[in-house]
Amino acid sequence: MPQTSNNIVGFVNLLSFLISIPIVIVGVSMSQGSAEECYQVMAKPMIIIGGFFMFFSLVGIIGACCNVTFLLIVYLILMMFVIIVRIIFSMITMIATSKGAEEVKTREGYKEYRLPDDPNWLAMAILKEKSWESIKSCLTVPEHNVCTDLKERQINCTATELDQNELTPIQSGCCKPPSECGFVYGGMTTWTKNNGGSSKNNDCNLWNNDNKTLCFECQSCKAGVIYGVKDSRRKSSVVNIVFCIFIVVFYFISICALGNSAKHG
């Protein structure tokens, strides 16, 4: 039984290695086979993350299965690095999204999103032109345009019934103009500007019925993206807790594997 911990470490890292292969392949494919900016932006992180876990897993497999003490020490250091980065990333995301965007209820009763008067650093980073262009390219990519679903549904409803369509924060901010614009509703992504409108919200001037434009340059869209990150973080909190428990337990199993390898060494 003394080799049980080594077998567990070897098996888990084999799975991790197999998972990292398609991540790297997809990343390389995206970087070479698509002109879409979104895919280009996503490709590099996928290659780096996939490559890191491929190397990380190989170190764990060789160290655990061949009783190489030095490699297991390197593996434990890398794992501690992963744990620390994960904790820091979770804390930064929690702090950054806590006041990044606000949810407001319109008079009609549906949800819209806006940036606070003093946006935090995450909001300021998204507001930068270069950052937003990259994000927008992913929102408007033809195969996954966030507003395509609304256009395809073409639900026959009034503007005051939009809340029943369960719009995501991004769809609410990017796929329709703010309610204060007073536009005439003509469809899920079709609105007619009211010449008599007096709203000072600049988003009203930025709205366009063209599928590539809509409200993707609006502050409401940026607020929807930030709130969407916050909402996703809240929904995935249980998964994060389970992951943290698993990786901490697995870290101690890896320490046992190191002890076994040291004895055999």
C-alpha atoms as a PDB file:
ATOM      1  CA  MET A   1       0.000   0.000   0.000  1.00  0.00           C
ATOM      2  CA  PRO A   2       2.910   2.471   0.381  1.00  0.00           C
ATOM      3  CA  GLN A   3       2.741   3.194  -3.362  1.00  0.00           C
ATOM      4  CA  THR A   4      -0.966   4.078  -3.277  1.00  0.00           C
ATOM      5  CA  SER A   5      -0.319   7.815  -3.052  1.00  0.00           C
ATOM      6  CA  ASN A   6       2.129   7.596  -5.967  1.00  0.00           C
ATOM      7  CA  ASN A   7      -0.446   5.737  -8.052  1.00  0.00           C
ATOM      8  CA  ILE A   8      -3.104   8.352  -7.294  1.00  0.00           C
ATOM      9  CA  VAL A   9      -0.761  11.210  -8.200  1.00  0.00           C
ATOM     10  CA  GLY A  10       0.283   9.435 -11.395  1.00  0.00           C
ATOM     11  CA  PHE A  11      -3.298   8.695 -12.453  1.00  0.00           C
ATOM     12  CA  VAL A  12      -4.629  12.216 -11.769  1.00  0.00           C
ATOM     13  CA  ASN A  13      -1.735  13.771 -13.651  1.00  0.00           C
ATOM     14  CA  LEU A  14      -2.281  11.406 -16.566  1.00  0.00           C
ATOM     15  CA  LEU A  15      -5.852  12.714 -16.814  1.00  0.00           C
ATOM     16  CA  SER A  16      -4.572  16.283 -16.522  1.00  0.00           C
ATOM     17  CA  PHE A  17      -2.037  15.632 -19.297  1.00  0.00           C
ATOM     18  CA  LEU A  18      -4.680  14.164 -21.612  1.00  0.00           C
ATOM     19  CA  ILE A  19      -6.973  17.150 -20.989  1.00  0.00           C
ATOM     20  CA  SER A  20      -4.177  19.645 -21.687  1.00  0.00           C
ATOM     21  CA  ILE A  21      -3.458  18.188 -25.149  1.00  0.00           C
ATOM     22  CA  PRO A  22      -6.728  19.315 -26.829  1.00  0.00           C
ATOM     23  CA  ILE A  23      -6.433  22.713 -25.081  1.00  0.00           C
ATOM     24  CA  VAL A  24      -3.052  23.302 -26.732  1.00  0.00           C
ATOM     25  CA  ILE A  25      -4.275  21.942 -30.084  1.00  0.00           C
ATOM     26  CA  VAL A  26      -7.347  24.184 -30.059  1.00  0.00           C
ATOM     27  CA  GLY A  27      -5.223  27.188 -29.066  1.00  0.00           C
ATOM     28  CA  VAL A  28      -2.748  26.611 -31.896  1.00  0.00           C
ATOM     29  CA  SER A  29      -5.608  26.022 -34.339  1.00  0.00           C
ATOM     30  CA  MET A  30      -7.315  29.256 -33.296  1.00  0.00           C
ATOM     31  CA  SER A  31      -4.121  31.262 -33.643  1.00  0.00           C
ATOM     32  CA  GLN A  32      -3.419  29.976 -37.151  1.00  0.00           C
ATOM     33  CA  GLY A  33      -6.800  29.205 -38.669  1.00  0.00           C
ATOM     34  CA  SER A  34      -8.965  32.214 -37.876  1.00  0.00           C
ATOM     35  CA  ALA A  35      -8.756  35.905 -38.662  1.00  0.00           C
ATOM     36  CA  GLU A  36     -11.313  36.779 -35.962  1.00  0.00           C
ATOM     37  CA  GLU A  37      -9.704  38.983 -33.313  1.00  0.00           C
ATOM     38  CA  CYS A  38     -11.567  37.166 -30.538  1.00  0.00           C
ATOM     39  CA  TYR A  39      -9.989  33.842 -31.443  1.00  0.00           C
ATOM     40  CA  GLN A  40      -6.576  35.474 -31.685  1.00  0.00           C
ATOM     41  CA  VAL A  41      -7.005  36.965 -28.205  1.00  0.00           C
ATOM     42  CA  MET A  42      -8.114  33.633 -26.707  1.00  0.00           C
ATOM     43  CA  ALA A  43      -5.472  31.529 -28.475  1.00  0.00           C
ATOM     44  CA  LYS A  44      -2.381  32.710 -26.580  1.00  0.00           C
ATOM     45  CA  PRO A  45      -3.779  32.139 -23.042  1.00  0.00           C
ATOM     46  CA  MET A  46      -5.041  28.687 -24.096  1.00  0.00           C
ATOM     47  CA  ILE A  47      -1.609  27.708 -25.437  1.00  0.00           C
ATOM     48  CA  ILE A  48       0.168  29.011 -22.330  1.00  0.00           C
ATOM     49  CA  ILE A  49      -2.258  27.408 -19.851  1.00  0.00           C
ATOM     50  CA  GLY A  50      -2.419  24.127 -21.780  1.00  0.00           C
ATOM     51  CA  GLY A  51       1.372  24.026 -22.170  1.00  0.00           C
ATOM     52  CA  PHE A  52       1.913  24.740 -18.470  1.00  0.00           C
ATOM     53  CA  PHE A  53      -0.417  21.957 -17.350  1.00  0.00           C
ATOM     54  CA  MET A  54       1.104  19.581 -19.888  1.00  0.00           C
ATOM     55  CA  PHE A  55       4.558  20.196 -18.400  1.00  0.00           C
ATOM     56  CA  PHE A  56       3.135  20.204 -14.856  1.00  0.00           C
ATOM     57  CA  SER A  57       1.430  16.843 -15.432  1.00  0.00           C
ATOM     58  CA  LEU A  58       4.517  15.240 -17.009  1.00  0.00           C
ATOM     59  CA  VAL A  59       6.595  16.250 -13.993  1.00  0.00           C
ATOM     60  CA  GLY A  60       3.985  14.676 -11.695  1.00  0.00           C
ATOM     61  CA  ILE A  61       3.713  11.466 -13.747  1.00  0.00           C
ATOM     62  CA  ILE A  62       7.466  10.863 -13.987  1.00  0.00           C
ATOM     63  CA  GLY A  63       8.097  11.906 -10.394  1.00  0.00           C
ATOM     64  CA  ALA A  64       5.345   9.685  -8.925  1.00  0.00           C
ATOM     65  CA  CYS A  65       5.679   6.623 -11.168  1.00  0.00           C
ATOM     66  CA  CYS A  66       9.481   6.542 -11.331  1.00  0.00           C
ATOM     67  CA  ASN A  67      10.082   7.655  -7.730  1.00  0.00           C
ATOM     68  CA  VAL A  68      12.127  10.685  -8.804  1.00  0.00           C
ATOM     69  CA  THR A  69      12.325  12.747  -5.601  1.00  0.00           C
ATOM     70  CA  PHE A  70      13.662  15.892  -7.254  1.00  0.00           C
ATOM     71  CA  LEU A  71      10.783  16.009  -9.765  1.00  0.00           C
ATOM     72  CA  LEU A  72       8.210  15.536  -7.009  1.00  0.00           C
ATOM     73  CA  ILE A  73       9.749  18.465  -5.121  1.00  0.00           C
ATOM     74  CA  VAL A  74       9.470  20.565  -8.287  1.00  0.00           C
ATOM     75  CA  TYR A  75       5.897  19.287  -8.713  1.00  0.00           C
ATOM     76  CA  LEU A  76       4.915  20.325  -5.173  1.00  0.00           C
ATOM     77  CA  ILE A  77       6.418  23.785  -5.718  1.00  0.00           C
ATOM     78  CA  LEU A  78       4.442  24.163  -8.949  1.00  0.00           C
ATOM     79  CA  MET A  79       1.276  22.964  -7.256  1.00  0.00           C
ATOM     80  CA  MET A  80       1.719  25.460  -4.430  1.00  0.00           C
ATOM     81  CA  PHE A  81       2.149  28.130  -7.111  1.00  0.00           C
ATOM     82  CA  VAL A  82      -1.150  27.024  -8.726  1.00  0.00           C
ATOM     83  CA  ILE A  83      -2.949  27.134  -5.358  1.00  0.00           C
ATOM     84  CA  ILE A  84      -1.650  30.622  -4.549  1.00  0.00           C
ATOM     85  CA  VAL A  85      -2.497  31.968  -8.014  1.00  0.00           C
ATOM     86  CA  ARG A  86      -5.980  30.469  -7.773  1.00  0.00           C
ATOM     87  CA  ILE A  87      -6.602  32.087  -4.386  1.00  0.00           C
ATOM     88  CA  ILE A  88      -5.251  35.475  -5.514  1.00  0.00           C
ATOM     89  CA  PHE A  89      -7.287  35.349  -8.742  1.00  0.00           C
ATOM     90  CA  SER A  90     -10.480  34.519  -6.830  1.00  0.00           C
ATOM     91  CA  MET A  91      -9.885  37.362  -4.348  1.00  0.00           C
ATOM     92  CA  ILE A  92      -9.110  39.888  -7.092  1.00  0.00           C
ATOM     93  CA  THR A  93     -12.200  38.861  -9.071  1.00  0.00           C
ATOM     94  CA  MET A  94     -14.380  39.131  -5.971  1.00  0.00           C
ATOM     95  CA  ILE A  95     -13.043  42.585  -5.053  1.00  0.00           C
ATOM     96  CA  ALA A  96     -13.032  43.865  -8.621  1.00  0.00           C
ATOM     97  CA  THR A  97     -16.620  42.848  -9.379  1.00  0.00           C
ATOM     98  CA  SER A  98     -18.117  43.834  -6.029  1.00  0.00           C
ATOM     99  CA  LYS A  99     -18.697  47.432  -7.153  1.00  0.00           C
ATOM    100  CA  GLY A 100     -17.932  47.180 -10.840  1.00  0.00           C
ATOM    101  CA  ALA A 101     -21.512  47.550 -12.071  1.00  0.00           C
ATOM    102  CA  GLU A 102     -24.943  48.185 -10.608  1.00  0.00           C
ATOM    103  CA  GLU A 103     -28.259  46.480 -11.324  1.00  0.00           C
ATOM    104  CA  VAL A 104     -31.193  48.847 -11.598  1.00  0.00           C
ATOM    105  CA  LYS A 105     -34.905  48.284 -12.076  1.00  0.00           C
ATOM    106  CA  THR A 106     -36.672  50.317 -14.732  1.00  0.00           C
ATOM    107  CA  ARG A 107     -40.178  51.693 -14.317  1.00  0.00           C
ATOM    108  CA  GLU A 108     -41.387  48.848 -16.523  1.00  0.00           C
ATOM    109  CA  GLY A 109     -39.880  46.354 -14.060  1.00  0.00           C
ATOM    110  CA  TYR A 110     -37.030  44.785 -16.025  1.00  0.00           C
ATOM    111  CA  LYS A 111     -33.349  44.850 -15.173  1.00  0.00           C
ATOM    112  CA  GLU A 112     -30.733  47.124 -16.696  1.00  0.00           C
ATOM    113  CA  TYR A 113     -27.121  47.742 -15.742  1.00  0.00           C
ATOM    114  CA  ARG A 114     -24.967  50.816 -15.361  1.00  0.00           C
ATOM    115  CA  LEU A 115     -21.497  51.807 -14.252  1.00  0.00           C
ATOM    116  CA  PRO A 116     -21.181  53.624 -10.920  1.00  0.00           C
ATOM    117  CA  ASP A 117     -19.916  57.202 -10.769  1.00  0.00           C
ATOM    118  CA  ASP A 118     -16.617  55.952  -9.342  1.00  0.00           C
ATOM    119  CA  PRO A 119     -15.947  52.671 -11.206  1.00  0.00           C
ATOM    120  CA  ASN A 120     -13.277  50.407  -9.757  1.00  0.00           C
ATOM    121  CA  TRP A 121     -10.089  49.360 -11.539  1.00  0.00           C
ATOM    122  CA  LEU A 122     -11.744  46.446 -13.392  1.00  0.00           C
ATOM    123  CA  ALA A 123     -14.328  48.765 -14.898  1.00  0.00           C
ATOM    124  CA  MET A 124     -11.618  51.274 -15.790  1.00  0.00           C
ATOM    125  CA  ALA A 125      -9.598  48.531 -17.479  1.00  0.00           C
ATOM    126  CA  ILE A 126     -12.619  47.453 -19.541  1.00  0.00           C
ATOM    127  CA  LEU A 127     -13.320  51.070 -20.471  1.00  0.00           C
ATOM    128  CA  LYS A 128      -9.936  51.324 -22.162  1.00  0.00           C
ATOM    129  CA  GLU A 129     -10.430  51.319 -25.919  1.00  0.00           C
ATOM    130  CA  LYS A 130      -7.984  48.486 -26.686  1.00  0.00           C
ATOM    131  CA  SER A 131      -9.404  46.224 -23.954  1.00  0.00           C
ATOM    132  CA  TRP A 132     -12.990  46.841 -24.994  1.00  0.00           C
ATOM    133  CA  GLU A 133     -12.246  46.202 -28.672  1.00  0.00           C
ATOM    134  CA  SER A 134     -10.969  42.727 -27.752  1.00  0.00           C
ATOM    135  CA  ILE A 135     -14.001  42.009 -25.559  1.00  0.00           C
ATOM    136  CA  LYS A 136     -16.390  43.361 -28.189  1.00  0.00           C
ATOM    137  CA  SER A 137     -14.836  41.138 -30.857  1.00  0.00           C
ATOM    138  CA  CYS A 138     -15.861  38.116 -28.759  1.00  0.00           C
ATOM    139  CA  LEU A 139     -19.379  39.449 -28.211  1.00  0.00           C
ATOM    140  CA  THR A 140     -19.938  40.059 -31.924  1.00  0.00           C
ATOM    141  CA  VAL A 141     -18.165  37.066 -33.490  1.00  0.00           C
ATOM    142  CA  PRO A 142     -20.676  35.765 -36.105  1.00  0.00           C
ATOM    143  CA  GLU A 143     -20.851  32.209 -34.760  1.00  0.00           C
ATOM    144  CA  HIS A 144     -21.520  33.317 -31.168  1.00  0.00           C
ATOM    145  CA  ASN A 145     -23.018  36.811 -31.318  1.00  0.00           C
ATOM    146  CA  VAL A 146     -24.700  37.354 -27.933  1.00  0.00           C
ATOM    147  CA  CYS A 147     -27.674  39.078 -29.583  1.00  0.00           C
ATOM    148  CA  THR A 148     -28.284  36.497 -32.321  1.00  0.00           C
ATOM    149  CA  ASP A 149     -30.503  34.413 -30.035  1.00  0.00           C
ATOM    150  CA  LEU A 150     -32.799  37.371 -29.408  1.00  0.00           C
ATOM    151  CA  LYS A 151     -33.107  38.143 -33.100  1.00  0.00           C
ATOM    152  CA  GLU A 152     -33.840  34.505 -33.953  1.00  0.00           C
ATOM    153  CA  ARG A 153     -36.521  34.217 -31.274  1.00  0.00           C
ATOM    154  CA  GLN A 154     -38.362  37.351 -32.423  1.00  0.00           C
ATOM    155  CA  ILE A 155     -40.820  36.882 -29.589  1.00  0.00           C
ATOM    156  CA  ASN A 156     -43.976  38.876 -30.100  1.00  0.00           C
ATOM    157  CA  CYS A 157     -43.979  40.877 -26.931  1.00  0.00           C
ATOM    158  CA  THR A 158     -44.061  44.481 -25.862  1.00  0.00           C
ATOM    159  CA  ALA A 159     -41.079  46.368 -24.530  1.00  0.00           C
ATOM    160  CA  THR A 160     -42.508  46.152 -21.028  1.00  0.00           C
ATOM    161  CA  GLU A 161     -42.502  42.349 -21.231  1.00  0.00           C
ATOM    162  CA  LEU A 162     -38.802  41.993 -21.987  1.00  0.00           C
ATOM    163  CA  ASP A 163     -38.125  40.884 -18.418  1.00  0.00           C
ATOM    164  CA  GLN A 164     -40.053  37.673 -19.136  1.00  0.00           C
ATOM    165  CA  ASN A 165     -37.477  36.714 -21.786  1.00  0.00           C
ATOM    166  CA  GLU A 166     -34.785  36.236 -19.138  1.00  0.00           C
ATOM    167  CA  LEU A 167     -32.158  38.453 -20.730  1.00  0.00           C
ATOM    168  CA  THR A 168     -28.626  37.967 -19.469  1.00  0.00           C
ATOM    169  CA  PRO A 169     -26.824  41.065 -18.149  1.00  0.00           C
ATOM    170  CA  ILE A 170     -24.817  41.218 -21.390  1.00  0.00           C
ATOM    171  CA  GLN A 171     -27.922  40.912 -23.578  1.00  0.00           C
ATOM    172  CA  SER A 172     -29.726  43.565 -21.532  1.00  0.00           C
ATOM    173  CA  GLY A 173     -26.836  45.996 -21.845  1.00  0.00           C
ATOM    174  CA  CYS A 174     -25.639  45.258 -25.386  1.00  0.00           C
ATOM    175  CA  CYS A 175     -28.692  44.106 -27.367  1.00  0.00           C
ATOM    176  CA  LYS A 176     -31.178  46.862 -26.574  1.00  0.00           C
ATOM    177  CA  PRO A 177     -31.010  50.593 -25.810  1.00  0.00           C
ATOM    178  CA  PRO A 178     -31.502  51.852 -22.244  1.00  0.00           C
ATOM    179  CA  SER A 179     -35.174  52.343 -21.402  1.00  0.00           C
ATOM    180  CA  GLU A 180     -34.638  56.044 -20.666  1.00  0.00           C
ATOM    181  CA  CYS A 181     -33.959  56.610 -24.385  1.00  0.00           C
ATOM    182  CA  GLY A 182     -37.681  56.205 -25.028  1.00  0.00           C
ATOM    183  CA  PHE A 183     -37.169  54.380 -28.334  1.00  0.00           C
ATOM    184  CA  VAL A 184     -40.120  52.717 -30.065  1.00  0.00           C
ATOM    185  CA  TYR A 185     -39.965  48.920 -29.768  1.00  0.00           C
ATOM    186  CA  GLY A 186     -40.060  47.080 -33.099  1.00  0.00           C
ATOM    187  CA  GLY A 187     -38.521  43.721 -32.203  1.00  0.00           C
ATOM    188  CA  MET A 188     -35.965  42.115 -29.906  1.00  0.00           C
ATOM    189  CA  THR A 189     -33.065  43.987 -31.553  1.00  0.00           C
ATOM    190  CA  THR A 190     -35.001  46.563 -33.554  1.00  0.00           C
ATOM    191  CA  TRP A 191     -35.818  49.951 -32.058  1.00  0.00           C
ATOM    192  CA  THR A 192     -36.835  53.231 -33.673  1.00  0.00           C
ATOM    193  CA  LYS A 193     -35.337  56.426 -32.308  1.00  0.00           C
ATOM    194  CA  ASN A 194     -37.903  58.875 -31.005  1.00  0.00           C
ATOM    195  CA  ASN A 195     -37.110  62.350 -32.318  1.00  0.00           C
ATOM    196  CA  GLY A 196     -38.920  63.813 -29.372  1.00  0.00           C
ATOM    197  CA  GLY A 197     -36.694  62.036 -26.861  1.00  0.00           C
ATOM    198  CA  SER A 198     -34.760  64.232 -24.433  1.00  0.00           C
ATOM    199  CA  SER A 199     -32.481  61.749 -22.659  1.00  0.00           C
ATOM    200  CA  LYS A 200     -28.962  62.966 -21.926  1.00  0.00           C
ATOM    201  CA  ASN A 201     -27.661  59.397 -21.892  1.00  0.00           C
ATOM    202  CA  ASN A 202     -25.022  59.149 -24.641  1.00  0.00           C
ATOM    203  CA  ASP A 203     -25.912  55.472 -25.116  1.00  0.00           C
ATOM    204  CA  CYS A 204     -29.047  56.656 -26.903  1.00  0.00           C
ATOM    205  CA  ASN A 205     -26.872  58.252 -29.599  1.00  0.00           C
ATOM    206  CA  LEU A 206     -24.686  55.167 -29.903  1.00  0.00           C
ATOM    207  CA  TRP A 207     -27.548  52.715 -30.546  1.00  0.00           C
ATOM    208  CA  ASN A 208     -27.903  51.328 -34.072  1.00  0.00           C
ATOM    209  CA  ASN A 209     -30.129  48.495 -35.363  1.00  0.00           C
ATOM    210  CA  ASP A 210     -27.208  47.025 -37.316  1.00  0.00           C
ATOM    211  CA  ASN A 211     -26.326  43.634 -35.791  1.00  0.00           C
ATOM    212  CA  LYS A 212     -22.631  44.541 -35.652  1.00  0.00           C
ATOM    213  CA  THR A 213     -23.341  47.789 -33.816  1.00  0.00           C
ATOM    214  CA  LEU A 214     -26.495  47.639 -31.653  1.00  0.00           C
ATOM    215  CA  CYS A 215     -25.315  48.950 -28.259  1.00  0.00           C
ATOM    216  CA  PHE A 216     -21.877  47.312 -28.192  1.00  0.00           C
ATOM    217  CA  GLU A 217     -20.204  50.698 -27.664  1.00  0.00           C
ATOM    218  CA  CYS A 218     -22.632  51.700 -24.903  1.00  0.00           C
ATOM    219  CA  GLN A 219     -21.709  52.132 -21.253  1.00  0.00           C
ATOM    220  CA  SER A 220     -24.680  49.875 -20.462  1.00  0.00           C
ATOM    221  CA  CYS A 221     -23.026  47.088 -22.460  1.00  0.00           C
ATOM    222  CA  LYS A 222     -19.763  47.446 -20.545  1.00  0.00           C
ATOM    223  CA  ALA A 223     -21.712  47.443 -17.285  1.00  0.00           C
ATOM    224  CA  GLY A 224     -23.541  44.299 -18.421  1.00  0.00           C
ATOM    225  CA  VAL A 225     -20.240  42.540 -19.118  1.00  0.00           C
ATOM    226  CA  ILE A 226     -18.863  43.420 -15.677  1.00  0.00           C
ATOM    227  CA  TYR A 227     -22.081  42.374 -13.952  1.00  0.00           C
ATOM    228  CA  GLY A 228     -22.042  39.154 -15.971  1.00  0.00           C
ATOM    229  CA  VAL A 229     -18.586  38.350 -14.564  1.00  0.00           C
ATOM    230  CA  LYS A 230     -19.892  39.057 -11.065  1.00  0.00           C
ATOM    231  CA  ASP A 231     -22.938  36.870 -11.645  1.00  0.00           C
ATOM    232  CA  SER A 232     -20.803  34.013 -13.014  1.00  0.00           C
ATOM    233  CA  ARG A 233     -18.461  34.256 -10.043  1.00  0.00           C
ATOM    234  CA  ARG A 234     -21.392  34.009  -7.632  1.00  0.00           C
ATOM    235  CA  LYS A 235     -22.877  31.011  -9.447  1.00  0.00           C
ATOM    236  CA  SER A 236     -19.530  29.192  -9.593  1.00  0.00           C
ATOM    237  CA  SER A 237     -18.660  29.788  -5.930  1.00  0.00           C
ATOM    238  CA  VAL A 238     -19.602  26.217  -4.939  1.00  0.00           C
ATOM    239  CA  VAL A 239     -17.445  24.793  -7.728  1.00  0.00           C
ATOM    240  CA  ASN A 240     -14.529  26.970  -6.580  1.00  0.00           C
ATOM    241  CA  ILE A 241     -14.873  25.738  -3.004  1.00  0.00           C
ATOM    242  CA  VAL A 242     -14.959  22.079  -4.132  1.00  0.00           C
ATOM    243  CA  PHE A 243     -11.932  22.663  -6.370  1.00  0.00           C
ATOM    244  CA  CYS A 244      -9.954  24.298  -3.541  1.00  0.00           C
ATOM    245  CA  ILE A 245     -10.758  21.405  -1.182  1.00  0.00           C
ATOM    246  CA  PHE A 246      -9.745  18.861  -3.831  1.00  0.00           C
ATOM    247  CA  ILE A 247      -6.440  20.517  -4.688  1.00  0.00           C
ATOM    248  CA  VAL A 248      -5.483  20.942  -1.002  1.00  0.00           C
ATOM    249  CA  VAL A 249      -6.244  17.251  -0.291  1.00  0.00           C
ATOM    250  CA  PHE A 250      -4.363  16.259  -3.433  1.00  0.00           C
ATOM    251  CA  TYR A 251      -1.403  18.385  -2.310  1.00  0.00           C
ATOM    252  CA  PHE A 252      -1.100  16.345   0.891  1.00  0.00           C
ATOM    253  CA  ILE A 253      -1.394  13.110  -1.108  1.00  0.00           C
ATOM    254  CA  SER A 254       1.491  14.389  -3.253  1.00  0.00           C
ATOM    255  CA  ILE A 255       3.524  15.008  -0.088  1.00  0.00           C
ATOM    256  CA  CYS A 256       2.942  11.348   0.844  1.00  0.00           C
ATOM    257  CA  ALA A 257       4.110  10.362  -2.648  1.00  0.00           C
ATOM    258  CA  LEU A 258       7.270  12.420  -2.078  1.00  0.00           C
ATOM    259  CA  GLY A 259       7.869  10.580   1.196  1.00  0.00           C
ATOM    260  CA  ASN A 260       7.479   7.211  -0.528  1.00  0.00           C
ATOM    261  CA  SER A 261       9.872   8.205  -3.290  1.00  0.00           C
ATOM    262  CA  ALA A 262      12.435   9.427  -0.777  1.00  0.00           C
ATOM    263  CA  LYS A 263      12.336   6.024   0.982  1.00  0.00           C
ATOM    264  CA  HIS A 264      12.809   4.172  -2.287  1.00  0.00           C
ATOM    265  CA  GLY A 265      15.486   6.598  -3.376  1.00  0.00           C
END
